[in-house]
C-alpha atoms as a PDB file:
ATOM      1  CA  MET A   1      95.450 119.141  98.988  1.00  0.00           C
ATOM      2  CA  SER A   2      92.454 121.345  98.263  1.00  0.00           C
ATOM      3  CA  ALA A   3      89.405 120.663  96.157  1.00  0.00           C
ATOM      4  CA  ALA A   4      86.046 122.237  95.482  1.00  0.00           C
ATOM      5  CA  SER A   5      82.644 121.112  94.306  1.00  0.00           C
ATOM      6  CA  ASP A   6      79.345 122.919  93.771  1.00  0.00           C
ATOM      7  CA  ALA A   7      78.360 122.156  97.369  1.00  0.00           C
ATOM      8  CA  ALA A   8      81.593 122.559  99.367  1.00  0.00           C
ATOM      9  CA  ASP A   9      85.296 123.364  99.501  1.00  0.00           C
ATOM     10  CA  PHE A  10      87.692 120.740 100.898  1.00  0.00           C
ATOM     11  CA  ARG A  11      91.192 121.057 102.344  1.00  0.00           C
ATOM     12  CA  LEU A  12      93.221 118.063 103.502  1.00  0.00           C
ATOM     13  CA  THR A  13      96.388 118.477 105.545  1.00  0.00           C
ATOM     14  CA  ALA A  14      98.493 115.377 106.131  1.00  0.00           C
ATOM     15  CA  SER A  15     101.784 115.181 107.982  1.00  0.00           C
ATOM     16  CA  HIS A  16     104.269 112.386 108.632  1.00  0.00           C
ATOM     17  CA  ALA A  17     103.087 108.874 109.555  1.00  0.00           C
ATOM     18  CA  GLY A  18     101.699 108.684 113.065  1.00  0.00           C
ATOM     19  CA  GLU A  19     100.877 112.383 113.196  1.00  0.00           C
ATOM     20  CA  GLU A  20      97.677 114.334 112.715  1.00  0.00           C
ATOM     21  CA  ARG A  21      95.654 114.487 109.532  1.00  0.00           C
ATOM     22  CA  LEU A  22      93.074 117.232 109.211  1.00  0.00           C
ATOM     23  CA  LEU A  23      90.161 117.502 106.787  1.00  0.00           C
ATOM     24  CA  GLU A  24      88.369 120.842 106.631  1.00  0.00           C
ATOM     25  CA  VAL A  25      85.107 121.231 104.730  1.00  0.00           C
ATOM     26  CA  ARG A  26      83.325 124.523 104.142  1.00  0.00           C
ATOM     27  CA  GLN A  27      79.789 124.096 102.926  1.00  0.00           C
ATOM     28  CA  ASN A  28      78.681 126.974 100.651  1.00  0.00           C
ATOM     29  CA  GLY A  29      80.801 129.376 102.702  1.00  0.00           C
ATOM     30  CA  ALA A  30      78.541 128.905 105.716  1.00  0.00           C
ATOM     31  CA  ASP A  31      79.302 125.984 107.990  1.00  0.00           C
ATOM     32  CA  ARG A  32      82.867 124.797 108.598  1.00  0.00           C
ATOM     33  CA  TYR A  33      83.499 121.173 109.527  1.00  0.00           C
ATOM     34  CA  GLU A  34      86.851 119.823 110.739  1.00  0.00           C
ATOM     35  CA  PHE A  35      87.780 116.171 111.086  1.00  0.00           C
ATOM     36  CA  ALA A  36      91.102 115.495 112.848  1.00  0.00           C
ATOM     37  CA  TYR A  37      92.757 112.070 113.099  1.00  0.00           C
ATOM     38  CA  SER A  38      95.936 111.520 115.123  1.00  0.00           C
ATOM     39  CA  ASP A  39      98.012 109.102 117.206  1.00  0.00           C
ATOM     40  CA  TYR A  40      98.170 106.389 114.559  1.00  0.00           C
ATOM     41  CA  ARG A  41      99.484 103.004 115.688  1.00  0.00           C
ATOM     42  CA  ASP A  42      98.570  99.339 116.013  1.00  0.00           C
ATOM     43  CA  TRP A  43      96.012  99.348 118.833  1.00  0.00           C
ATOM     44  CA  ASN A  44      95.573  95.546 118.936  1.00  0.00           C
ATOM     45  CA  ASN A  45      96.892  93.371 121.742  1.00  0.00           C
ATOM     46  CA  PRO A  46     100.684  92.997 121.246  1.00  0.00           C
ATOM     47  CA  LEU A  47     100.213  89.197 121.158  1.00  0.00           C
ATOM     48  CA  HIS A  48      97.897  89.551 118.134  1.00  0.00           C
ATOM     49  CA  PRO A  49      98.964  92.676 116.222  1.00  0.00           C
ATOM     50  CA  ALA A  50      96.809  93.900 113.356  1.00  0.00           C
ATOM     51  CA  GLU A  51      99.931  95.088 111.520  1.00  0.00           C
ATOM     52  CA  ALA A  52      98.019  98.207 110.448  1.00  0.00           C
ATOM     53  CA  PHE A  53      97.812 101.682 111.931  1.00  0.00           C
ATOM     54  CA  TYR A  54      94.528 103.076 113.229  1.00  0.00           C
ATOM     55  CA  ALA A  55      93.784 106.564 114.583  1.00  0.00           C
ATOM     56  CA  GLY A  56      93.964 106.758 118.364  1.00  0.00           C
ATOM     57  CA  ARG A  57      92.152 110.085 118.438  1.00  0.00           C
ATOM     58  CA  MET A  58      89.326 111.239 116.173  1.00  0.00           C
ATOM     59  CA  THR A  59      87.757 114.667 116.632  1.00  0.00           C
ATOM     60  CA  GLU A  60      84.923 116.298 114.703  1.00  0.00           C
ATOM     61  CA  LYS A  61      84.098 120.012 114.977  1.00  0.00           C
ATOM     62  CA  LYS A  62      81.361 122.141 113.459  1.00  0.00           C
ATOM     63  CA  ASN A  63      82.077 125.877 113.347  1.00  0.00           C
ATOM     64  CA  GLY A  64      84.764 125.397 116.011  1.00  0.00           C
ATOM     65  CA  ASP A  65      82.536 123.490 118.461  1.00  0.00           C
ATOM     66  CA  ILE A  66      83.407 119.873 119.251  1.00  0.00           C
ATOM     67  CA  VAL A  67      80.712 117.502 117.982  1.00  0.00           C
ATOM     68  CA  SER A  68      82.519 114.254 118.787  1.00  0.00           C
ATOM     69  CA  ASP A  69      85.829 113.336 120.400  1.00  0.00           C
ATOM     70  CA  ILE A  70      86.761 109.650 120.277  1.00  0.00           C
ATOM     71  CA  THR A  71      89.825 108.109 121.929  1.00  0.00           C
ATOM     72  CA  THR A  72      90.886 104.563 121.038  1.00  0.00           C
ATOM     73  CA  THR A  73      92.149 102.406 123.892  1.00  0.00           C
ATOM     74  CA  MET A  74      92.258  98.995 122.193  1.00  0.00           C
ATOM     75  CA  THR A  75      91.107  97.312 118.988  1.00  0.00           C
ATOM     76  CA  GLU A  76      90.475  93.672 118.179  1.00  0.00           C
ATOM     77  CA  THR A  77      90.777  93.698 114.425  1.00  0.00           C
ATOM     78  CA  GLY A  78      91.373  90.768 112.170  1.00  0.00           C
ATOM     79  CA  GLN A  79      91.956  91.312 108.473  1.00  0.00           C
ATOM     80  CA  MET A  80      92.346  95.006 107.629  1.00  0.00           C
ATOM     81  CA  TYR A  81      90.983  94.860 104.068  1.00  0.00           C
ATOM     82  CA  VAL A  82      88.907  98.021 103.632  1.00  0.00           C
ATOM     83  CA  VAL A  83      87.401  99.403 100.447  1.00  0.00           C
ATOM     84  CA  MET A  84      87.108 103.194 100.472  1.00  0.00           C
ATOM     85  CA  PRO A  85      85.241 104.577  97.446  1.00  0.00           C
ATOM     86  CA  VAL A  86      86.339 108.057  96.342  1.00  0.00           C
ATOM     87  CA  PRO A  87      83.577 110.381  95.127  1.00  0.00           C
ATOM     88  CA  ALA A  88      83.887 111.421  91.470  1.00  0.00           C
ATOM     89  CA  SER A  89      84.134 115.115  92.445  1.00  0.00           C
ATOM     90  CA  ILE A  90      87.240 114.379  94.543  1.00  0.00           C
ATOM     91  CA  LYS A  91      88.816 112.146  91.872  1.00  0.00           C
ATOM     92  CA  THR A  92      88.600 114.896  89.278  1.00  0.00           C
ATOM     93  CA  ALA A  93      89.983 117.543  91.683  1.00  0.00           C
ATOM     94  CA  MET A  94      93.146 115.678  92.705  1.00  0.00           C
ATOM     95  CA  THR A  95      96.419 114.905  90.996  1.00  0.00           C
ATOM     96  CA  PRO A  96      97.550 111.322  91.750  1.00  0.00           C
ATOM     97  CA  THR A  97     101.076 110.841  93.061  1.00  0.00           C
ATOM     98  CA  HIS A  98     101.305 107.618  91.064  1.00  0.00           C
ATOM     99  CA  PRO A  99      99.437 108.060  87.745  1.00  0.00           C
ATOM    100  CA  GLY A 100      97.243 105.141  86.833  1.00  0.00           C
ATOM    101  CA  GLU A 101      96.086 104.445  90.374  1.00  0.00           C
END
């Protein structure tokens, strides 16, 4: 999926469940930011599974240089109810898979 706004261009690449997702943002043609998320699984203790997948690796790059590189080793999550607001500029740029959502 690709989208654009007055401030930046966005490109999202998603693959099969459990594999890498990549978000690339170019800000006014100058700086390029990449956010990569991979190794999705339930990182909770097997005796108390969260029953939700979480990224095991999260990497952020700016112009090709690594800014942050986070590796998950274990989570202790309870209820996985998360509200993720979508900016209006993204809503208008995308075509929903399931209309009405």
